[in-house]
Structure formats: C-alpha cells, structure tokens
Amino acid sequence: MNTKLLGSSLIISGTALGAGMLAIPMVLAQFGLWYGALLMIFICFGTTYAALLLLEATIKSGGGLGLNSIARKTLGKGGQLVSNALLYALLICLLMAYILGAADLVNQLAQKFGVDLTNYQSQIGFTLLSGILIAAGTGVIDKLNRALFFIMIASLSATLLFLLPDFSSNNLARVINDDHFALIKTSAVLFTSFGFMVVIPSLVSYNKEATDKQLRNMVIVGSLIPLACYLCWLFAVVGNLNPEQLVALKGISDLIAAFEHHSSWFASLLSVFTGLALLTSFFGVAMSLYNQNRDMFNQNRLVTYVITFILPLIGALFAADKFLSVLAYAGIILVLLAIFVPLAMVYKLRLAGTESERYTTEGGTMMLLFSLLFGGFLLASQVI
C-alpha cells in the first residue's frame, strides 16, 4: 500500500475515531471485557461490510466526489433525493456536534494562555479556520491528517503505558451488569463509533490510479485501526478500574478523575488525544460534505466553502449545550444511510449486471441478506 492509500486509510480511521473512544469504556466496561469486545467486533464487521458495498457501488457507477452522483446513477432521481436528504441531515448534525466539542477545547486552550473567548467566538473562529483547510483539498487533508493521526496514536500509547503498572488481570473477567438486553442497546453507540462510510466516495476519487483490490484493502485497513484502538482502550479501562469506579462513569470528567492519581500528565495526555480524535473526525466529515456540495452544486471553492459551513455553524450557535443530543439524532440517520442505501445500490447494480468485471464485494446473496438483517438489528437496538 503506497503512502497515498495509507493516508486515505488514516482518513477513514480518523473519521471513525471521535467521541466513541471516550464513550465506549463508559457504556461497555460494566458488561465485562469479553462481552463488550465480542459485540464491538461484530459491529465493526457489519459496518466494514456495508462500507465495502458502498465501495462497490462507487466503483461500478463510475464514482463521483460525493454520494449525489453515485445515488443518481444507481437509484435514480427518487433514490438520489432520499440519499441526499439523509446525507445532509447526518453530516450537518455531525459537524454541529464536532463544532460544539471543538469550541469547548478551544476555550480551554485559550484560557491556558490567559485569553477569554465566548462560545460563539470559539465556534466561529474554529469553523472559519478549519474550513479553509477543507477547501484546500483532499490532498492537504490527507497530509495533515497523517501527522495528527500519528500524534494521536502516540498520545494513546503513552496513556496506556501510564496505566500499565496498575493493571489487574483479575478485573478482566468481572461482569458488573449481566443484562444482555442492556448490552445490545449499546450497539447504537458502537455503530456510530465506526461511522466512516461518508468519506469513501471522496477517497475513491482521490485515488483514481489505485486498483480495485487496493481500494478494498484501504477500506479494510482503515476500519481495523479504530477497532484495535477501541479494544486496547477498553482493555486498559477494565483492567485498571474496580467495579465501583466503572459503575460511576457518566462522562469524560469522571473517566479522567478515575485515573488522576496516576500522574499529573495523564489529564493532559487524555486531553490531547480527545482533541485530535475530534479534529480528525471533523476533517473527515467536513471533507465529505464539502465534496458533496462540489458534486451537487458545481460552484467555485469560495461558494462551496460558504454552503458547506454556514448551516452547521448556525446550528451550533443555537445548540449551545447539546453535543450529545445532536449526536443522538445522527444515529438512526447513519443506519439508514450507511447500511440500507449501499445495500439498495449494490442490489440494483448486480440485478442489472453493471460492470461485473469490476470489484464485487465478497459473500454473494447470503452476505447481502446478512447486511439487511444487520441494519434491522441496529434499528431495533436504537428504538428499544
């Protein structure tokens, strides 16, 4: 895999590695390591397969900067309208949430330098400056994301090393909550934590010279990196905290407080990781929305820049303390868009026998049925 494809895999990983890194220990640790790990692997497998279906649809339809062109070629005008509505709802909700989260981190950083900023100033400043990077193109995001991603992984590795001395293997077998029904309800959080499919059309367009097999490997590698990070982090949290501490985890401040006795550096490391995870996720989602708008409206960079960021910014300004609420709205939209839309696209393409010599996702009809049932499982877990 060349550096361009590796960078694309890291964009996939960075888009997935966001709030889930912090949410996963809080929702899964109480069920024990093994049950939580098995469910996470299952969700990762289903999500990756759905992403490969979208890759197949993108390749066979001739590609496009955004989902707009692919939906039009595969599902017709009606499918294009539905896909665009779902995609815009999802991306705007996610960007609103990331702007809210990033603004909070910008405020904290500014205070360390003796600068007081209002939430509005932080949100506007972050959006305008980061938007310029997005408008510079996928190549710029690729190179910047590589640097940020390796720093993020380094901070995670350092955090795990700090936790190693107090690790207890006895904690790994502990199960505080044996309610499997409650465990299944966490599937929504896990699925959102692997939600990277929105970047695939942009990355296929960016890697025009790549073979179908290379693009397939790009998606698989990009999905396995978040899985490895999530499993290591869950392993560390469960191995270091006692049952009373696990039950008490309600937010990131509780998680940091539970580990604050380790070192004064720990909170700083966790803050660095949180900030970079949020930033790489923002880049992936914003790049997808920017390219979708380029594909749909065919305007110059300035106009596309304004169209891309005006609605998420206005939404963030009016949704001051709604970070988690906004993410919750994105959950069901993501299931419909990431599972059922690619499934419908591939079904129609295979029915028509379109470019059968190009990449076809492994598994045949049985795996298409699995993907359908997987989507139903996720919807059921979110409406329980």
Protein backbone atom coordinates (compact mmCIF):
# COMPACT_ATOMS: atom_id res chain seq x y z
CA MET A 1 0.00 0.00 0.00
CA ASN A 2 1.52 3.33 -1.09
CA THR A 3 1.61 6.43 1.11
CA LYS A 4 -1.42 7.98 -0.61
CA LEU A 5 -3.54 4.90 0.07
CA LEU A 6 -2.16 4.67 3.61
CA GLY A 7 -3.09 8.31 4.15
CA SER A 8 -6.59 7.54 2.85
CA SER A 9 -6.88 4.63 5.30
CA LEU A 10 -5.90 7.02 8.09
CA ILE A 11 -8.63 9.46 6.97
CA ILE A 12 -11.10 6.58 7.33
CA SER A 13 -9.69 5.73 10.78
CA GLY A 14 -9.58 9.37 11.87
CA THR A 15 -13.21 9.89 10.83
CA ALA A 16 -14.26 6.90 12.95
CA LEU A 17 -12.06 7.72 15.96
CA GLY A 18 -14.03 10.51 17.58
CA ALA A 19 -16.29 10.64 20.57
CA GLY A 20 -16.52 6.83 20.51
CA MET A 21 -13.06 6.49 22.04
CA LEU A 22 -14.34 8.09 25.20
CA ALA A 23 -17.90 6.76 25.10
CA ILE A 24 -17.05 3.09 24.57
CA PRO A 25 -15.46 2.42 28.02
CA MET A 26 -18.37 4.18 29.71
CA VAL A 27 -21.04 2.09 28.00
CA LEU A 28 -19.23 -1.27 27.70
CA ALA A 29 -16.93 -1.61 30.73
CA GLN A 30 -19.79 -2.60 33.05
CA PHE A 31 -20.55 -5.68 30.90
CA GLY A 32 -17.00 -7.02 31.17
CA LEU A 33 -14.23 -7.16 28.61
CA TRP A 34 -15.25 -10.28 26.68
CA TYR A 35 -18.91 -9.50 26.04
CA GLY A 36 -18.08 -5.92 25.12
CA ALA A 37 -15.23 -6.96 22.83
CA LEU A 38 -17.35 -9.55 21.00
CA LEU A 39 -20.15 -7.06 20.36
CA MET A 40 -17.64 -4.46 19.17
CA ILE A 41 -16.05 -6.92 16.71
CA PHE A 42 -19.50 -7.86 15.39
CA ILE A 43 -20.45 -4.20 14.86
CA CYS A 44 -17.11 -3.50 13.17
CA PHE A 45 -17.56 -6.45 10.81
CA GLY A 46 -21.09 -5.40 9.80
CA THR A 47 -20.09 -1.77 9.33
CA THR A 48 -17.00 -2.66 7.28
CA TYR A 49 -19.02 -4.93 5.02
CA ALA A 50 -21.56 -2.16 4.41
CA ALA A 51 -18.66 0.20 3.59
CA LEU A 52 -17.35 -2.33 1.05
CA LEU A 53 -20.81 -2.40 -0.53
CA LEU A 54 -20.63 1.37 -0.92
CA LEU A 55 -17.14 0.98 -2.40
CA GLU A 56 -18.54 -1.50 -4.93
CA ALA A 57 -21.36 0.89 -5.85
CA THR A 58 -18.91 3.79 -6.17
CA ILE A 59 -16.55 1.86 -8.45
CA LYS A 60 -19.21 0.31 -10.68
CA SER A 61 -21.15 3.56 -11.08
CA GLY A 62 -18.06 5.43 -12.24
CA GLY A 63 -17.54 7.28 -8.94
CA GLY A 64 -18.06 10.90 -8.04
CA LEU A 65 -16.87 13.41 -5.47
CA GLY A 66 -19.92 12.79 -3.30
CA LEU A 67 -22.82 10.41 -2.80
CA ASN A 68 -25.01 12.60 -5.02
CA SER A 69 -23.66 11.32 -8.36
CA ILE A 70 -23.47 7.70 -7.21
CA ALA A 71 -27.07 7.72 -5.95
CA ARG A 72 -28.32 9.28 -9.19
CA LYS A 73 -26.58 6.64 -11.32
CA THR A 74 -27.69 3.69 -9.20
CA LEU A 75 -31.02 4.58 -7.59
CA GLY A 76 -32.46 7.18 -9.97
CA LYS A 77 -33.84 10.58 -9.06
CA GLY A 78 -36.02 9.29 -6.22
CA GLY A 79 -33.13 7.43 -4.59
CA GLN A 80 -30.87 10.41 -5.18
CA LEU A 81 -33.30 12.69 -3.34
CA VAL A 82 -33.63 10.32 -0.36
CA SER A 83 -29.87 9.68 -0.18
CA ASN A 84 -29.04 13.38 -0.33
CA ALA A 85 -31.60 14.21 2.37
CA LEU A 86 -30.18 11.54 4.68
CA LEU A 87 -26.57 12.51 3.94
CA TYR A 88 -27.11 16.22 4.54
CA ALA A 89 -29.04 15.56 7.76
CA LEU A 90 -26.26 13.27 9.00
CA LEU A 91 -23.28 15.44 8.03
CA ILE A 92 -24.81 18.68 9.33
CA CYS A 93 -25.70 17.01 12.66
CA LEU A 94 -22.18 15.59 13.00
CA LEU A 95 -20.49 18.87 12.08
CA MET A 96 -22.68 20.72 14.58
CA ALA A 97 -21.62 18.26 17.28
CA TYR A 98 -17.93 18.50 16.37
CA ILE A 99 -18.03 22.31 16.25
CA LEU A 100 -19.59 22.33 19.73
CA GLY A 101 -16.98 19.89 21.06
CA ALA A 102 -14.06 21.68 19.38
CA ALA A 103 -15.20 25.08 20.65
CA ASP A 104 -15.08 23.76 24.21
CA LEU A 105 -11.49 22.56 23.67
CA VAL A 106 -10.53 25.88 22.06
CA ASN A 107 -11.89 27.71 25.12
CA GLN A 108 -9.85 25.53 27.46
CA LEU A 109 -6.68 26.07 25.40
CA ALA A 110 -7.24 29.84 25.18
CA GLN A 111 -7.69 30.08 28.96
CA LYS A 112 -4.27 28.47 29.48
CA PHE A 113 -2.80 31.39 27.55
CA GLY A 114 -4.84 33.92 29.51
CA VAL A 115 -7.32 34.62 26.69
CA ASP A 116 -11.05 34.63 27.43
CA LEU A 117 -13.26 33.65 24.50
CA THR A 118 -17.03 33.29 24.37
CA ASN A 119 -18.53 30.08 23.00
CA TYR A 120 -19.70 31.98 19.93
CA GLN A 121 -16.19 33.32 19.24
CA SER A 122 -14.66 29.85 19.62
CA GLN A 123 -17.22 28.22 17.36
CA ILE A 124 -16.93 30.84 14.63
CA GLY A 125 -13.12 31.00 14.79
CA PHE A 126 -12.69 27.22 14.70
CA THR A 127 -15.16 26.78 11.83
CA LEU A 128 -13.69 29.54 9.66
CA LEU A 129 -10.06 28.44 10.09
CA SER A 130 -10.61 24.70 9.76
CA GLY A 131 -12.93 25.33 6.81
CA ILE A 132 -10.05 26.92 4.91
CA LEU A 133 -8.08 23.68 5.27
CA ILE A 134 -11.03 21.67 3.97
CA ALA A 135 -11.38 23.96 0.95
CA ALA A 136 -7.68 23.47 0.17
CA GLY A 137 -8.49 19.95 -1.00
CA THR A 138 -8.31 16.26 -0.07
CA GLY A 139 -4.52 16.20 -0.60
CA VAL A 140 -3.97 18.81 2.12
CA ILE A 141 -6.33 16.99 4.50
CA ASP A 142 -4.54 13.71 3.76
CA LYS A 143 -1.10 15.08 4.72
CA LEU A 144 -2.33 16.99 7.77
CA ASN A 145 -4.41 14.05 8.95
CA ARG A 146 -1.39 11.73 8.77
CA ALA A 147 0.59 13.95 11.17
CA LEU A 148 -2.33 14.43 13.56
CA PHE A 149 -3.18 10.73 13.49
CA PHE A 150 0.33 9.61 14.45
CA ILE A 151 0.41 12.17 17.30
CA MET A 152 -2.99 10.87 18.43
CA ILE A 153 -1.78 7.26 18.43
CA ALA A 154 1.38 8.31 20.29
CA SER A 155 -0.69 10.02 22.99
CA LEU A 156 -2.90 6.92 23.28
CA SER A 157 0.17 4.67 23.57
CA ALA A 158 1.65 6.92 26.27
CA THR A 159 -1.65 6.83 28.15
CA LEU A 160 -1.72 3.03 28.03
CA LEU A 161 1.86 2.90 29.34
CA PHE A 162 0.87 5.10 32.30
CA LEU A 163 -1.94 2.67 33.09
CA LEU A 164 0.15 -0.50 32.78
CA PRO A 165 1.64 -0.56 36.34
CA ASP A 166 -1.79 -0.73 37.99
CA PHE A 167 -3.27 -3.21 35.51
CA SER A 168 -5.06 -6.16 37.17
CA SER A 169 -5.80 -9.27 35.09
CA ASN A 170 -8.43 -10.26 37.69
CA ASN A 171 -10.59 -7.33 36.57
CA LEU A 172 -10.89 -8.67 33.03
CA ALA A 173 -13.28 -11.47 33.98
CA ARG A 174 -15.52 -9.25 36.13
CA VAL A 175 -19.04 -8.62 34.88
CA ILE A 176 -20.90 -5.92 36.82
CA ASN A 177 -24.01 -5.92 34.65
CA ASP A 178 -25.13 -9.27 33.16
CA ASP A 179 -28.18 -7.81 31.42
CA HIS A 180 -27.55 -8.82 27.80
CA PHE A 181 -30.57 -6.81 26.67
CA ALA A 182 -28.89 -3.68 28.03
CA LEU A 183 -25.64 -4.70 26.28
CA ILE A 184 -27.43 -4.87 22.91
CA LYS A 185 -28.79 -1.36 23.49
CA THR A 186 -25.21 -0.09 23.37
CA SER A 187 -24.97 -1.16 19.70
CA ALA A 188 -26.04 2.33 18.61
CA VAL A 189 -23.02 3.92 20.30
CA LEU A 190 -20.66 1.32 18.86
CA PHE A 191 -22.06 1.70 15.35
CA THR A 192 -21.68 5.48 15.44
CA SER A 193 -18.09 4.93 16.58
CA PHE A 194 -17.37 3.08 13.32
CA GLY A 195 -19.25 5.58 11.12
CA PHE A 196 -16.71 6.36 8.41
CA MET A 197 -18.56 5.49 5.19
CA VAL A 198 -19.25 9.12 4.26
CA VAL A 199 -15.61 9.60 3.16
CA ILE A 200 -15.47 6.68 0.71
CA PRO A 201 -16.66 8.49 -2.46
CA SER A 202 -14.13 11.29 -1.86
CA LEU A 203 -11.28 8.83 -1.29
CA VAL A 204 -12.11 6.76 -4.38
CA SER A 205 -12.00 9.97 -6.42
CA TYR A 206 -8.72 10.95 -4.71
CA ASN A 207 -7.12 7.56 -5.53
CA LYS A 208 -8.08 7.34 -9.20
CA GLU A 209 -4.93 5.45 -10.08
CA ALA A 210 -5.50 2.70 -7.47
CA THR A 211 -6.70 -0.79 -8.38
CA ASP A 212 -9.98 -2.19 -7.05
CA LYS A 213 -8.06 -4.51 -4.72
CA GLN A 214 -6.04 -1.60 -3.32
CA LEU A 215 -9.22 0.38 -2.65
CA ARG A 216 -10.72 -2.64 -0.91
CA ASN A 217 -7.63 -3.01 1.29
CA MET A 218 -7.73 0.75 2.01
CA VAL A 219 -11.22 0.38 3.50
CA ILE A 220 -10.40 -2.75 5.50
CA VAL A 221 -7.19 -1.31 6.99
CA GLY A 222 -8.98 1.94 7.78
CA SER A 223 -11.69 0.08 9.70
CA LEU A 224 -9.34 -2.26 11.60
CA ILE A 225 -7.23 0.55 13.11
CA PRO A 226 -10.17 2.02 15.12
CA LEU A 227 -11.14 -1.50 16.23
CA ALA A 228 -7.63 -2.11 17.57
CA CYS A 229 -7.58 1.27 19.35
CA TYR A 230 -11.02 0.73 20.88
CA LEU A 231 -10.14 -2.77 22.11
CA CYS A 232 -6.85 -1.61 23.66
CA TRP A 233 -8.57 1.28 25.40
CA LEU A 234 -11.42 -0.91 26.71
CA PHE A 235 -8.83 -3.47 27.88
CA ALA A 236 -6.92 -0.74 29.76
CA VAL A 237 -10.00 0.79 31.42
CA VAL A 238 -11.49 -2.54 32.55
CA GLY A 239 -8.09 -3.73 33.81
CA ASN A 240 -7.42 -0.58 35.86
CA LEU A 241 -10.74 0.34 37.45
CA ASN A 242 -12.67 -1.50 40.13
CA PRO A 243 -16.42 -2.23 39.79
CA GLU A 244 -17.47 0.81 41.84
CA GLN A 245 -15.47 3.14 39.60
CA LEU A 246 -16.84 1.55 36.42
CA VAL A 247 -20.43 1.98 37.52
CA ALA A 248 -19.77 5.64 38.39
CA LEU A 249 -18.55 6.56 34.88
CA LYS A 250 -21.03 9.07 33.45
CA GLY A 251 -18.81 11.37 31.41
CA ILE A 252 -15.27 12.20 30.33
CA SER A 253 -14.63 14.18 33.51
CA ASP A 254 -15.45 11.04 35.54
CA LEU A 255 -13.08 9.00 33.40
CA ILE A 256 -10.22 11.46 33.86
CA ALA A 257 -10.95 11.73 37.61
CA ALA A 258 -10.78 7.95 37.95
CA PHE A 259 -7.20 7.97 36.64
CA GLU A 260 -5.92 11.28 38.05
CA HIS A 261 -3.88 9.56 40.78
CA HIS A 262 -1.56 8.08 38.12
CA SER A 263 0.20 11.25 37.04
CA SER A 264 -0.33 14.96 36.55
CA TRP A 265 0.43 14.29 32.88
CA PHE A 266 -2.46 11.91 32.44
CA ALA A 267 -5.18 14.53 32.08
CA SER A 268 -3.03 16.40 29.56
CA LEU A 269 -2.43 13.25 27.50
CA LEU A 270 -6.11 12.39 27.52
CA SER A 271 -6.97 15.96 26.52
CA VAL A 272 -4.51 15.81 23.60
CA PHE A 273 -5.99 12.54 22.44
CA THR A 274 -9.57 13.84 22.80
CA GLY A 275 -8.80 16.99 20.84
CA LEU A 276 -7.06 15.16 18.00
CA ALA A 277 -9.75 12.47 17.79
CA LEU A 278 -12.37 15.21 17.49
CA LEU A 279 -10.32 17.13 14.92
CA THR A 280 -9.63 14.14 12.64
CA SER A 281 -13.32 13.20 12.76
CA PHE A 282 -14.24 16.79 11.88
CA PHE A 283 -11.86 16.76 8.92
CA GLY A 284 -13.34 13.54 7.53
CA VAL A 285 -16.96 14.64 7.89
CA ALA A 286 -16.32 18.20 6.64
CA MET A 287 -14.37 16.91 3.64
CA SER A 288 -17.31 14.65 2.74
CA LEU A 289 -19.83 17.49 2.96
CA TYR A 290 -17.58 19.88 1.02
CA ASN A 291 -17.08 17.38 -1.81
CA GLN A 292 -20.78 16.50 -1.79
CA ASN A 293 -21.56 20.19 -2.31
CA ARG A 294 -18.96 20.46 -5.08
CA ASP A 295 -20.53 17.46 -6.76
CA MET A 296 -24.09 18.73 -6.35
CA PHE A 297 -23.82 22.49 -6.95
CA ASN A 298 -20.68 22.67 -9.17
CA GLN A 299 -19.60 26.04 -7.77
CA ASN A 300 -16.17 27.57 -7.10
CA ARG A 301 -14.29 26.93 -3.84
CA LEU A 302 -15.50 30.11 -2.07
CA VAL A 303 -19.18 29.47 -2.73
CA THR A 304 -18.80 25.79 -1.81
CA TYR A 305 -16.98 26.81 1.40
CA VAL A 306 -19.89 29.06 2.44
CA ILE A 307 -22.54 26.48 1.54
CA THR A 308 -20.69 23.77 3.46
CA PHE A 309 -20.18 25.54 6.77
CA ILE A 310 -22.99 28.08 7.11
CA LEU A 311 -25.73 25.68 8.25
CA PRO A 312 -23.61 23.62 10.70
CA LEU A 313 -22.24 26.84 12.22
CA ILE A 314 -25.68 28.41 12.63
CA GLY A 315 -26.95 25.16 14.12
CA ALA A 316 -24.03 25.01 16.57
CA LEU A 317 -24.58 28.62 17.63
CA PHE A 318 -28.19 27.84 18.53
CA ALA A 319 -27.49 24.47 20.15
CA ALA A 320 -25.07 25.60 22.83
CA ASP A 321 -25.03 22.64 25.24
CA LYS A 322 -26.44 19.91 23.02
CA PHE A 323 -23.34 17.96 21.99
CA LEU A 324 -24.64 14.54 22.97
CA SER A 325 -28.21 15.30 21.89
CA VAL A 326 -27.07 16.26 18.40
CA LEU A 327 -25.00 13.06 18.14
CA ALA A 328 -28.06 11.04 19.17
CA TYR A 329 -30.08 12.45 16.25
CA ALA A 330 -27.37 11.24 13.87
CA GLY A 331 -27.67 7.60 14.99
CA ILE A 332 -30.75 6.39 13.14
CA ILE A 333 -29.88 8.53 10.08
CA LEU A 334 -26.48 6.83 9.94
CA VAL A 335 -28.04 3.34 9.97
CA LEU A 336 -30.34 4.20 7.06
CA LEU A 337 -27.54 5.86 5.09
CA ALA A 338 -24.63 3.54 5.88
CA ILE A 339 -26.45 0.20 5.66
CA PHE A 340 -29.64 0.34 3.62
CA VAL A 341 -28.59 2.85 0.93
CA PRO A 342 -25.40 0.96 -0.13
CA LEU A 343 -27.37 -2.29 0.02
CA ALA A 344 -30.02 -0.88 -2.35
CA MET A 345 -27.33 0.50 -4.68
CA VAL A 346 -25.48 -2.81 -4.96
CA TYR A 347 -28.69 -4.80 -5.35
CA LYS A 348 -29.75 -2.70 -8.35
CA LEU A 349 -26.28 -2.78 -9.92
CA ARG A 350 -25.99 -6.56 -9.59
CA LEU A 351 -29.54 -7.03 -10.88
CA ALA A 352 -28.62 -5.02 -13.95
CA GLY A 353 -25.26 -6.82 -14.32
CA THR A 354 -23.40 -3.49 -14.40
CA GLU A 355 -19.66 -3.86 -14.99
CA SER A 356 -19.49 -7.28 -13.37
CA GLU A 357 -15.73 -7.45 -14.04
CA ARG A 358 -15.15 -4.62 -11.56
CA TYR A 359 -14.91 -5.06 -7.78
CA THR A 360 -17.74 -7.12 -6.28
CA THR A 361 -17.95 -7.42 -2.51
CA GLU A 362 -17.39 -10.95 -1.28
CA GLY A 363 -20.21 -13.13 0.08
CA GLY A 364 -22.88 -13.05 -2.62
CA THR A 365 -26.58 -13.08 -1.78
CA MET A 366 -26.06 -14.54 1.71
CA MET A 367 -23.96 -11.58 2.80
CA LEU A 368 -26.44 -9.12 1.30
CA LEU A 369 -29.07 -10.79 3.47
CA PHE A 370 -26.71 -10.51 6.45
CA SER A 371 -26.30 -6.78 5.80
CA LEU A 372 -30.09 -6.36 5.67
CA LEU A 373 -30.50 -8.19 8.99
CA PHE A 374 -27.60 -6.24 10.48
CA GLY A 375 -29.32 -2.96 9.62
CA GLY A 376 -32.54 -4.24 11.17
CA PHE A 377 -30.65 -5.23 14.31
CA LEU A 378 -29.15 -1.74 14.62
CA LEU A 379 -32.51 -0.03 14.13
CA ALA A 380 -34.07 -2.29 16.75
CA SER A 381 -31.25 -1.54 19.21
CA GLN A 382 -31.82 2.22 18.78
CA VAL A 383 -35.59 2.20 19.23
CA ILE A 384 -35.68 -0.22 22.18
